[in-house]
Amino acid sequence: MTAIYQSAFLIALGWTIAANIWQSALLWMIYQAICGLHRKIAPSIKHLVASLLLLGSFGWFSATLANKYREAIKLNEYLSGLAANANAATTHSSNILFSPNSLTDYANQYLPYISAAYLIILLLLSVKLINAYLYSKQLKTKGLLPIDNHWINLVNKYARKIGIVKKVQIHLSQYISVPATLNFFKPVILLPLAAFNHLTPQQVESIILHELAHIKRNDYLINIIASVIETILFFNPFVHL
């Protein structure tokens, strides 16, 4: 218990978690202001702004954590270098990051335990995220069925028209219920077998164009990065907004 209470990293992490709430709230307000000022803003621009601000929220979180941790280490070193007065060291140890007052004393007492709980939940969510990623990797090789050459040629035709230089594959899949696009370097479009048999050619073509738009916009990579950030900052409602 004492080790957790005195952990500079856990105290710094606790203050960082608290700070990230208002930091992300500010970024969310910036996003709302941008979209409010330009009501006819294109969806692609909204997507770009949201992605950049989400990345900014994580960057701000990381920078704050590094700064608070450096603060904690320096002050801990200072406290350990004080005269060999154990009582003096004990008196100052609760003021590890900020000037002494009742609020920060109270926060420093409980923040390490909140940080420890955060790390436990983060570990569980990370396992869930990794399992989802590994399952998506399996979809590229399992349950695949060939599709008519007409659709393969159509994918290649439209990919060239919209400027996609990567080779795009397309398959039918027995294991998905909605269309999906996997991979960044070698993109694969998967169409659900059950739904494909009930779609008109025009509907299939629209789905293919939609998935090619995701590839053009690099959404697969962006979604992976966003999922990692949303997992790390799972406690913050503004990050999800």
Protein backbone atom coordinates (compact mmCIF):
# COMPACT_ATOMS: atom_id res chain seq x y z
CA MET A 1 0.00 0.00 0.00
CA THR A 2 2.80 2.37 0.88
CA ALA A 3 4.54 1.69 -2.45
CA ILE A 4 1.41 2.65 -4.39
CA TYR A 5 0.89 5.76 -2.28
CA GLN A 6 4.45 6.95 -2.86
CA SER A 7 4.68 6.06 -6.55
CA ALA A 8 5.66 9.17 -8.49
CA PHE A 9 4.39 7.60 -11.72
CA LEU A 10 0.95 6.76 -10.32
CA ILE A 11 0.51 10.22 -8.80
CA ALA A 12 1.61 11.83 -12.07
CA LEU A 13 -0.73 9.56 -14.02
CA GLY A 14 -3.64 10.49 -11.75
CA TRP A 15 -3.13 14.20 -12.31
CA THR A 16 -2.72 13.56 -16.04
CA ILE A 17 -6.04 11.67 -16.19
CA ALA A 18 -7.77 14.56 -14.44
CA ALA A 19 -6.14 17.12 -16.75
CA ASN A 20 -7.06 15.17 -19.87
CA ILE A 21 -10.77 15.70 -19.17
CA TRP A 22 -10.57 19.48 -19.58
CA GLN A 23 -7.94 19.21 -22.33
CA SER A 24 -10.17 16.99 -24.48
CA ALA A 25 -13.21 19.12 -23.62
CA LEU A 26 -11.36 22.13 -25.01
CA LEU A 27 -10.46 20.26 -28.20
CA TRP A 28 -14.07 19.09 -28.56
CA MET A 29 -15.25 22.69 -28.24
CA ILE A 30 -12.77 23.67 -30.96
CA TYR A 31 -14.22 20.96 -33.20
CA GLN A 32 -17.76 22.18 -32.52
CA ALA A 33 -16.71 25.76 -33.26
CA ILE A 34 -15.11 24.78 -36.57
CA CYS A 35 -18.16 22.81 -37.67
CA GLY A 36 -20.50 25.56 -36.41
CA LEU A 37 -18.74 28.34 -38.29
CA HIS A 38 -18.74 26.37 -41.52
CA ARG A 39 -22.06 24.56 -41.63
CA LYS A 40 -21.47 23.45 -45.22
CA ILE A 41 -18.08 21.95 -44.38
CA ALA A 42 -17.41 18.74 -46.31
CA PRO A 43 -17.66 15.44 -44.37
CA SER A 44 -14.07 14.62 -45.38
CA ILE A 45 -12.87 17.85 -43.74
CA LYS A 46 -14.89 17.08 -40.60
CA HIS A 47 -13.30 13.64 -40.53
CA LEU A 48 -9.82 15.11 -40.91
CA VAL A 49 -10.35 17.72 -38.18
CA ALA A 50 -11.82 15.14 -35.79
CA SER A 51 -8.91 12.75 -36.43
CA LEU A 52 -6.30 15.47 -35.89
CA LEU A 53 -7.95 16.65 -32.67
CA LEU A 54 -8.21 13.07 -31.41
CA LEU A 55 -4.51 12.63 -32.09
CA GLY A 56 -3.89 15.98 -30.40
CA SER A 57 -5.74 14.81 -27.30
CA PHE A 58 -3.47 11.79 -27.03
CA GLY A 59 -0.38 13.90 -27.67
CA TRP A 60 -1.44 16.35 -24.96
CA PHE A 61 -2.06 13.42 -22.58
CA SER A 62 1.41 12.00 -23.27
CA ALA A 63 3.15 15.37 -22.88
CA THR A 64 1.31 16.08 -19.63
CA LEU A 65 2.22 12.66 -18.22
CA ALA A 66 5.88 13.11 -19.12
CA ASN A 67 5.94 16.59 -17.58
CA LYS A 68 4.19 15.54 -14.37
CA TYR A 69 6.44 12.51 -14.02
CA ARG A 70 9.58 14.62 -14.42
CA GLU A 71 8.19 16.98 -11.79
CA ALA A 72 7.55 14.11 -9.44
CA ILE A 73 11.00 12.61 -9.89
CA LYS A 74 12.74 15.95 -9.27
CA LEU A 75 10.73 16.68 -6.16
CA ASN A 76 11.21 13.16 -4.85
CA GLU A 77 14.95 13.53 -5.32
CA TYR A 78 14.83 16.87 -3.53
CA LEU A 79 12.85 15.41 -0.64
CA SER A 80 15.18 12.42 -0.33
CA GLY A 81 18.11 14.83 -0.18
CA LEU A 82 16.69 16.79 2.76
CA ALA A 83 18.35 16.51 6.17
CA ALA A 84 17.95 13.08 7.71
CA ASN A 85 14.81 14.18 9.43
CA ALA A 86 12.27 11.43 8.82
CA ASN A 87 9.40 13.55 10.08
CA ALA A 88 10.22 16.35 7.66
CA ALA A 89 10.35 13.92 4.76
CA THR A 90 7.02 12.43 5.75
CA THR A 91 5.45 15.88 6.06
CA HIS A 92 6.51 16.88 2.57
CA SER A 93 5.93 13.55 0.79
CA SER A 94 2.22 14.16 0.28
CA ASN A 95 3.01 17.42 -1.54
CA ILE A 96 4.92 15.65 -4.24
CA LEU A 97 3.65 17.55 -7.25
CA PHE A 98 1.99 20.74 -6.13
CA SER A 99 2.07 23.40 -3.46
CA PRO A 100 0.54 22.17 -0.21
CA ASN A 101 -3.15 22.69 0.38
CA SER A 102 -5.97 20.48 1.60
CA LEU A 103 -7.32 19.78 -1.90
CA THR A 104 -4.03 18.59 -3.40
CA ASP A 105 -3.20 16.70 -0.21
CA TYR A 106 -6.50 14.85 -0.55
CA ALA A 107 -5.96 14.26 -4.27
CA ASN A 108 -2.40 13.01 -3.84
CA GLN A 109 -3.64 10.56 -1.24
CA TYR A 110 -6.15 8.86 -3.56
CA LEU A 111 -4.93 9.50 -7.11
CA PRO A 112 -2.40 6.63 -7.06
CA TYR A 113 -5.21 4.15 -6.38
CA ILE A 114 -7.32 5.64 -9.18
CA SER A 115 -4.29 5.30 -11.45
CA ALA A 116 -3.81 1.68 -10.44
CA ALA A 117 -7.47 0.95 -11.23
CA TYR A 118 -7.06 2.74 -14.56
CA LEU A 119 -4.08 0.53 -15.48
CA ILE A 120 -6.00 -2.65 -14.62
CA ILE A 121 -8.97 -1.61 -16.78
CA LEU A 122 -6.60 -0.51 -19.55
CA LEU A 123 -4.97 -3.96 -19.52
CA LEU A 124 -8.38 -5.67 -19.91
CA LEU A 125 -9.43 -3.32 -22.72
CA SER A 126 -6.08 -3.80 -24.45
CA VAL A 127 -6.55 -7.57 -24.45
CA LYS A 128 -10.01 -7.07 -25.97
CA LEU A 129 -8.61 -4.74 -28.64
CA ILE A 130 -5.78 -7.13 -29.53
CA ASN A 131 -8.24 -10.04 -29.81
CA ALA A 132 -10.43 -7.97 -32.16
CA TYR A 133 -7.42 -7.12 -34.30
CA LEU A 134 -6.28 -10.74 -34.47
CA TYR A 135 -9.81 -11.81 -35.44
CA SER A 136 -9.83 -9.25 -38.26
CA LYS A 137 -6.53 -10.69 -39.49
CA GLN A 138 -8.12 -14.16 -39.63
CA LEU A 139 -10.95 -12.82 -41.79
CA LYS A 140 -8.43 -12.23 -44.58
CA THR A 141 -7.75 -15.94 -44.98
CA LYS A 142 -10.69 -17.88 -43.51
CA GLY A 143 -14.15 -18.34 -44.93
CA LEU A 144 -13.33 -16.62 -48.22
CA LEU A 145 -15.05 -17.46 -51.49
CA PRO A 146 -14.12 -16.29 -54.99
CA ILE A 147 -16.21 -13.59 -56.61
CA ASP A 148 -17.12 -13.14 -60.26
CA ASN A 149 -14.42 -11.53 -62.42
CA HIS A 150 -16.87 -8.78 -63.32
CA TRP A 151 -16.59 -7.38 -59.79
CA ILE A 152 -12.83 -7.78 -59.70
CA ASN A 153 -12.52 -5.79 -62.90
CA LEU A 154 -14.95 -3.19 -61.58
CA VAL A 155 -12.90 -2.73 -58.40
CA ASN A 156 -9.71 -2.25 -60.44
CA LYS A 157 -11.45 0.18 -62.78
CA TYR A 158 -12.86 2.42 -60.05
CA ALA A 159 -9.68 2.20 -57.97
CA ARG A 160 -7.69 3.63 -60.88
CA LYS A 161 -10.30 6.34 -61.47
CA ILE A 162 -10.11 7.69 -57.93
CA GLY A 163 -6.33 7.46 -57.75
CA ILE A 164 -5.73 4.36 -55.65
CA VAL A 165 -2.33 2.98 -56.63
CA LYS A 166 -2.47 -0.05 -54.33
CA LYS A 167 -3.77 -3.34 -55.64
CA VAL A 168 -7.23 -3.91 -54.15
CA GLN A 169 -8.62 -7.43 -53.73
CA ILE A 170 -12.27 -8.33 -53.29
CA HIS A 171 -13.75 -11.55 -51.85
CA LEU A 172 -16.97 -12.94 -50.48
CA SER A 173 -16.84 -13.89 -46.81
CA GLN A 174 -18.91 -16.38 -44.84
CA TYR A 175 -17.94 -14.83 -41.48
CA ILE A 176 -19.12 -11.22 -41.76
CA SER A 177 -22.57 -9.65 -41.84
CA VAL A 178 -21.61 -6.20 -43.18
CA PRO A 179 -19.09 -5.12 -45.83
CA ALA A 180 -15.59 -4.53 -44.53
CA THR A 181 -12.21 -3.32 -45.74
CA LEU A 182 -9.04 -4.76 -44.19
CA ASN A 183 -5.33 -4.02 -44.49
CA PHE A 184 -3.52 -0.80 -45.25
CA PHE A 185 -0.73 -1.80 -47.62
CA LYS A 186 -2.67 -4.58 -49.40
CA PRO A 187 -6.34 -3.63 -48.96
CA VAL A 188 -9.00 -6.31 -49.18
CA ILE A 189 -12.71 -5.65 -49.60
CA LEU A 190 -14.92 -8.32 -48.03
CA LEU A 191 -18.59 -8.64 -48.95
CA PRO A 192 -20.92 -10.77 -46.77
CA LEU A 193 -21.98 -13.85 -48.69
CA ALA A 194 -25.48 -13.95 -47.16
CA ALA A 195 -26.27 -10.36 -48.14
CA PHE A 196 -24.54 -10.47 -51.53
CA ASN A 197 -27.03 -12.97 -52.93
CA HIS A 198 -29.91 -10.58 -52.20
CA LEU A 199 -28.37 -7.38 -53.56
CA THR A 200 -28.93 -5.87 -56.98
CA PRO A 201 -25.88 -5.13 -59.18
CA GLN A 202 -26.42 -1.41 -58.54
CA GLN A 203 -26.34 -1.97 -54.78
CA VAL A 204 -23.17 -4.04 -54.97
CA GLU A 205 -21.55 -1.35 -57.08
CA SER A 206 -22.49 1.31 -54.52
CA ILE A 207 -21.00 -0.78 -51.72
CA ILE A 208 -17.77 -1.25 -53.67
CA LEU A 209 -17.51 2.51 -54.29
CA HIS A 210 -18.12 3.14 -50.59
CA GLU A 211 -15.35 0.72 -49.56
CA LEU A 212 -12.97 2.18 -52.14
CA ALA A 213 -13.62 5.61 -50.61
CA HIS A 214 -12.48 4.20 -47.25
CA ILE A 215 -9.30 2.92 -48.88
CA LYS A 216 -8.68 6.25 -50.59
CA ARG A 217 -9.03 8.04 -47.24
CA ASN A 218 -6.80 5.50 -45.41
CA ASP A 219 -9.58 4.82 -42.94
CA TYR A 220 -8.28 1.37 -41.99
CA LEU A 221 -5.08 2.82 -40.56
CA ILE A 222 -6.87 5.83 -39.05
CA ASN A 223 -9.43 3.58 -37.37
CA ILE A 224 -6.69 1.44 -35.82
CA ILE A 225 -4.97 4.53 -34.42
CA ALA A 226 -8.31 5.91 -33.20
CA SER A 227 -9.16 2.59 -31.52
CA VAL A 228 -5.82 2.57 -29.69
CA ILE A 229 -6.30 6.17 -28.51
CA GLU A 230 -9.90 5.53 -27.45
CA THR A 231 -8.71 2.49 -25.50
CA ILE A 232 -5.97 4.43 -23.69
CA LEU A 233 -8.31 7.36 -22.98
CA PHE A 234 -11.37 5.21 -22.34
CA PHE A 235 -12.29 7.25 -19.24
CA ASN A 236 -12.79 10.48 -21.21
CA PRO A 237 -16.25 11.04 -22.77
CA PHE A 238 -14.95 13.95 -24.90
CA VAL A 239 -12.48 11.62 -26.63
CA HIS A 240 -15.36 9.40 -27.75
CA LEU A 241 -17.37 12.43 -28.83
